[in-house]
Amino acid sequence: MNDMSSEQGSPASILLIDDHPLLRKGVKQLIELDTDLKVVAEASNANEGVAAALEHEPDLILLDLNMPEINGIETLKMLREEGVDSRVVVFTVSDNEEDVVAALKAGADGYLLKDMEPEELLNNLNQAALGKMVISDRLTTLLAQALQSKRTAKGPDISSLTPRERQIIKLIAAGLPNKLIARKLSITEGTVKVHVKHLLKKLNLRSRVEVAVWAVQEGIK
C-alpha cells in the first residue's frame, strides 16, 4: 500500500464500508468528481470490508460507525488485527463524545460527520489520503474539552519527554504519519512506533489525535 499515491500523480484508492447502499452510491458519485481520489471497492458489513481491505490494500478506508451485527469500532479493530495499515476515517452521524474517543482509541485516523458539506468532505478525504489526521471542526472543541476534564490532577508532563519524543510530538501535531516522521528523522518506522507508544504512556493520552490536540493546547510547535 502507498499512502502517498495522490502526491505521485495517481489517485488515492478508497474503500467504502457502509451498510446503506444509497449512502455508498452518493459518496462514490461525489468522489468521482475529484481526480485525486478513486473508489476501488465497496462493502456493506465488517467481514466484507476486511476481505476487501486485504484484497485491494486501499490508501484510505471510509468506515461507517453504526452498522448492524458488527459496528464500526469492532470493524476497525478487526482491520488492525488483520494487519491492514490503510488510513481509516470513521464517517458517521454520531457526534457523541464517547464514540469519538472510542474510534480514536481503536486506531482511527480521523472522524468525519455525515452532515458535512460535499466540498468539505472531499477536502478532508484528500488531506487524509496525504497522511493528515482529519476531524470535523465541531468535534475538535468537544475533544479538547474531553481531554481537559479527563486529565489527571498533575496533567501530562512535557518535562518527562526525551528530545526525540518532543521532535516526534511536533511532527504528529503537524499531521505527519509514522512513515514520513521516520523519513524526516532518518530513523526506522518501527523506531517511531516505539517512541509513540512510550510518549502516549508518559502523557497519559490514548491516541495520536489526542497528542495533536494536546500539543496545540500547550503551544508546542
Protein backbone atom coordinates (compact mmCIF):
# COMPACT_ATOMS: atom_id res chain seq x y z
CA MET A 1 0.00 0.00 0.00
CA ASN A 2 1.18 3.50 -0.79
CA ASP A 3 -0.34 6.25 1.32
CA MET A 4 1.30 8.93 -0.78
CA SER A 5 -0.14 7.83 -4.13
CA SER A 6 -2.02 11.07 -4.72
CA GLU A 7 1.23 13.01 -4.32
CA GLN A 8 2.77 10.91 -7.06
CA GLY A 9 0.08 11.60 -9.63
CA SER A 10 -2.21 8.57 -9.33
CA PRO A 11 -5.49 8.86 -7.41
CA ALA A 12 -5.64 7.75 -3.78
CA SER A 13 -7.58 4.49 -3.59
CA ILE A 14 -10.61 4.38 -1.27
CA LEU A 15 -12.69 1.54 0.20
CA LEU A 16 -16.21 2.40 1.38
CA ILE A 17 -17.62 0.31 4.25
CA ASP A 18 -21.24 1.27 4.96
CA ASP A 19 -24.45 -0.77 5.23
CA HIS A 20 -26.53 1.84 3.34
CA PRO A 21 -26.30 1.31 -0.46
CA LEU A 22 -27.74 4.76 -1.19
CA LEU A 23 -25.13 6.45 1.00
CA ARG A 24 -22.33 4.49 -0.68
CA LYS A 25 -23.66 5.43 -4.11
CA GLY A 26 -23.85 9.13 -3.19
CA VAL A 27 -20.34 9.22 -1.71
CA LYS A 28 -18.93 7.31 -4.70
CA GLN A 29 -20.54 9.77 -7.15
CA LEU A 30 -19.12 12.66 -5.15
CA ILE A 31 -15.63 11.13 -5.08
CA GLU A 32 -15.77 10.59 -8.87
CA LEU A 33 -15.78 14.39 -9.21
CA ASP A 34 -12.27 14.51 -7.69
CA THR A 35 -9.44 13.26 -9.93
CA ASP A 36 -7.16 12.77 -6.89
CA LEU A 37 -9.49 10.16 -5.35
CA LYS A 38 -10.85 6.85 -6.61
CA VAL A 39 -13.24 4.32 -5.02
CA VAL A 40 -11.77 0.87 -5.69
CA ALA A 41 -14.22 -1.23 -3.65
CA GLU A 42 -17.36 -1.14 -1.51
CA ALA A 43 -18.56 -3.31 1.37
CA SER A 44 -21.81 -3.44 3.33
CA ASN A 45 -20.54 -5.09 6.52
CA ALA A 46 -17.44 -5.80 8.61
CA ASN A 47 -16.48 -9.16 7.12
CA GLU A 48 -16.87 -7.92 3.54
CA GLY A 49 -14.91 -4.81 4.49
CA VAL A 50 -11.96 -6.70 5.96
CA ALA A 51 -11.83 -9.02 2.93
CA ALA A 52 -11.94 -6.05 0.53
CA ALA A 53 -9.24 -4.21 2.50
CA LEU A 54 -6.91 -7.23 2.34
CA GLU A 55 -7.59 -7.70 -1.38
CA HIS A 56 -7.28 -4.08 -2.55
CA GLU A 57 -4.93 -2.58 0.07
CA PRO A 58 -6.56 0.85 -0.30
CA ASP A 59 -4.84 4.05 0.76
CA LEU A 60 -7.95 5.10 2.67
CA ILE A 61 -10.98 3.37 4.22
CA LEU A 62 -14.15 5.37 4.89
CA LEU A 63 -15.91 3.44 7.65
CA ASP A 64 -19.46 3.78 8.95
CA LEU A 65 -19.82 3.64 12.74
CA ASN A 66 -23.35 2.32 13.17
CA MET A 67 -23.63 -0.97 11.28
CA PRO A 68 -25.75 -3.98 12.30
CA GLU A 69 -24.14 -7.06 13.86
CA ILE A 70 -20.56 -5.74 13.89
CA ASN A 71 -20.24 -1.99 14.41
CA GLY A 72 -17.59 0.36 13.08
CA ILE A 73 -15.37 0.25 16.18
CA GLU A 74 -15.22 -3.55 16.13
CA THR A 75 -14.65 -3.46 12.35
CA LEU A 76 -11.74 -1.08 12.89
CA LYS A 77 -10.24 -3.42 15.47
CA MET A 78 -10.65 -6.34 13.03
CA LEU A 79 -8.88 -4.38 10.30
CA ARG A 80 -5.93 -3.57 12.56
CA GLU A 81 -5.74 -7.15 13.87
CA GLU A 82 -5.52 -8.39 10.27
CA GLY A 83 -2.58 -6.06 9.69
CA VAL A 84 -4.45 -3.60 7.45
CA ASP A 85 -2.42 -0.38 7.58
CA SER A 86 -4.70 1.71 5.38
CA ARG A 87 -5.68 5.04 6.88
CA VAL A 88 -9.16 4.61 8.38
CA VAL A 89 -11.57 7.54 8.69
CA VAL A 90 -14.82 6.98 10.57
CA PHE A 91 -17.76 8.53 8.71
CA THR A 92 -20.87 8.79 10.86
CA VAL A 93 -23.87 10.77 12.07
CA SER A 94 -22.74 10.45 15.70
CA ASP A 95 -21.14 13.44 17.37
CA ASN A 96 -21.22 11.65 20.75
CA GLU A 97 -18.02 12.26 22.71
CA GLU A 98 -17.73 8.60 23.73
CA ASP A 99 -17.98 7.45 20.09
CA VAL A 100 -15.29 9.91 19.01
CA VAL A 101 -12.91 8.85 21.79
CA ALA A 102 -13.61 5.13 21.21
CA ALA A 103 -12.88 5.45 17.49
CA LEU A 104 -9.63 7.31 18.03
CA LYS A 105 -8.58 4.89 20.76
CA ALA A 106 -9.24 1.97 18.39
CA GLY A 107 -6.83 3.45 15.86
CA ALA A 108 -8.92 5.67 13.59
CA ASP A 109 -7.01 8.30 11.62
CA GLY A 110 -9.96 10.64 11.51
CA TYR A 111 -13.61 11.16 12.38
CA LEU A 112 -15.96 12.95 10.00
CA LEU A 113 -19.67 13.67 10.29
CA LYS A 114 -22.09 12.74 7.51
CA ASP A 115 -23.82 16.13 7.60
CA MET A 116 -20.73 17.97 6.36
CA GLU A 117 -20.74 19.85 3.05
CA PRO A 118 -19.70 17.79 -0.01
CA GLU A 119 -16.74 20.07 -0.78
CA GLU A 120 -15.60 19.80 2.82
CA LEU A 121 -15.77 16.00 2.68
CA LEU A 122 -13.63 15.89 -0.48
CA ASN A 123 -11.11 18.25 1.07
CA ASN A 124 -10.87 16.11 4.21
CA LEU A 125 -10.50 12.90 2.19
CA ASN A 126 -7.66 14.45 0.21
CA GLN A 127 -5.97 15.53 3.43
CA ALA A 128 -6.43 12.06 4.95
CA ALA A 129 -5.01 10.40 1.83
CA LEU A 130 -1.89 12.54 2.20
CA GLY A 131 -1.36 11.30 5.74
CA LYS A 132 -3.04 14.10 7.70
CA MET A 133 -5.39 13.45 10.60
CA VAL A 134 -8.88 14.75 9.88
CA ILE A 135 -11.69 15.51 12.30
CA SER A 136 -14.88 17.52 11.80
CA ASP A 137 -14.44 21.08 13.05
CA ARG A 138 -17.18 20.98 15.67
CA LEU A 139 -15.65 17.87 17.21
CA THR A 140 -12.23 19.39 17.87
CA THR A 141 -13.69 21.60 20.62
CA LEU A 142 -15.55 18.61 22.08
CA LEU A 143 -12.37 16.53 22.04
CA ALA A 144 -10.33 19.29 23.66
CA GLN A 145 -12.93 19.63 26.44
CA ALA A 146 -12.93 15.87 26.97
CA LEU A 147 -9.15 15.93 27.26
CA GLN A 148 -9.31 18.80 29.72
CA SER A 149 -11.82 17.08 32.01
CA LYS A 150 -10.12 13.67 31.90
CA ARG A 151 -6.61 14.84 32.67
CA THR A 152 -5.07 13.74 35.91
CA ALA A 153 -4.64 16.47 38.52
CA LYS A 154 -0.99 16.72 37.54
CA GLY A 155 -1.72 16.52 33.80
CA PRO A 156 0.68 15.43 31.07
CA ASP A 157 4.24 16.38 31.96
CA ILE A 158 6.29 17.50 28.98
CA SER A 159 9.46 17.50 31.10
CA SER A 160 9.33 13.70 31.18
CA LEU A 161 9.78 13.50 27.41
CA THR A 162 13.10 12.87 25.69
CA PRO A 163 14.29 15.33 23.00
CA ARG A 164 13.45 12.72 20.33
CA GLU A 165 9.91 12.28 21.73
CA ARG A 166 9.43 16.04 21.62
CA GLN A 167 10.52 16.07 17.99
CA ILE A 168 8.02 13.34 17.19
CA ILE A 169 5.19 15.14 19.00
CA LYS A 170 5.79 18.24 16.88
CA LEU A 171 5.60 16.14 13.71
CA ILE A 172 2.44 14.33 14.91
CA ALA A 173 0.88 17.74 15.61
CA ALA A 174 1.77 18.71 12.03
CA GLY A 175 -0.25 15.71 10.87
CA LEU A 176 2.60 13.51 9.63
CA PRO A 177 2.14 9.70 9.63
CA ASN A 178 4.85 7.41 11.05
CA LYS A 179 6.32 6.74 7.61
CA LEU A 180 7.05 10.43 6.98
CA ILE A 181 8.23 11.03 10.56
CA ALA A 182 10.73 8.19 10.12
CA ARG A 183 11.95 9.66 6.83
CA LYS A 184 12.26 13.16 8.29
CA LEU A 185 14.22 11.99 11.35
CA SER A 186 16.25 9.34 9.45
CA ILE A 187 15.08 6.52 11.70
CA THR A 188 13.00 3.40 11.01
CA GLU A 189 9.22 3.37 11.09
CA GLY A 190 9.44 0.70 13.83
CA THR A 191 11.50 3.04 15.98
CA VAL A 192 8.92 5.80 15.52
CA LYS A 193 6.16 3.40 16.65
CA VAL A 194 8.13 2.56 19.81
CA HIS A 195 8.64 6.27 20.59
CA VAL A 196 4.92 7.00 20.01
CA LYS A 197 3.95 4.15 22.36
CA HIS A 198 6.25 5.50 25.09
CA LEU A 199 5.16 9.11 24.78
CA LEU A 200 1.45 8.15 24.87
CA LYS A 201 2.10 6.31 28.12
CA LYS A 202 4.11 9.17 29.63
CA LEU A 203 1.45 11.73 28.73
CA ASN A 204 -1.47 9.50 29.74
CA LEU A 205 -3.04 10.03 26.32
CA ARG A 206 -4.71 7.39 24.17
CA SER A 207 -4.19 8.29 20.53
CA ARG A 208 -2.19 10.36 18.05
CA VAL A 209 -5.14 12.72 17.68
CA GLU A 210 -5.17 13.37 21.45
CA VAL A 211 -1.41 14.06 21.25
CA ALA A 212 -2.01 16.53 18.42
CA VAL A 213 -4.81 18.31 20.28
CA TRP A 214 -2.72 18.43 23.47
CA ALA A 215 0.29 19.80 21.56
CA VAL A 216 -1.85 22.60 20.11
CA GLN A 217 -3.27 23.40 23.57
CA GLU A 218 0.23 23.56 25.02
CA GLY A 219 1.56 25.66 22.16
CA ILE A 220 4.08 23.01 21.10
CA LYS A 221 5.12 23.75 17.52
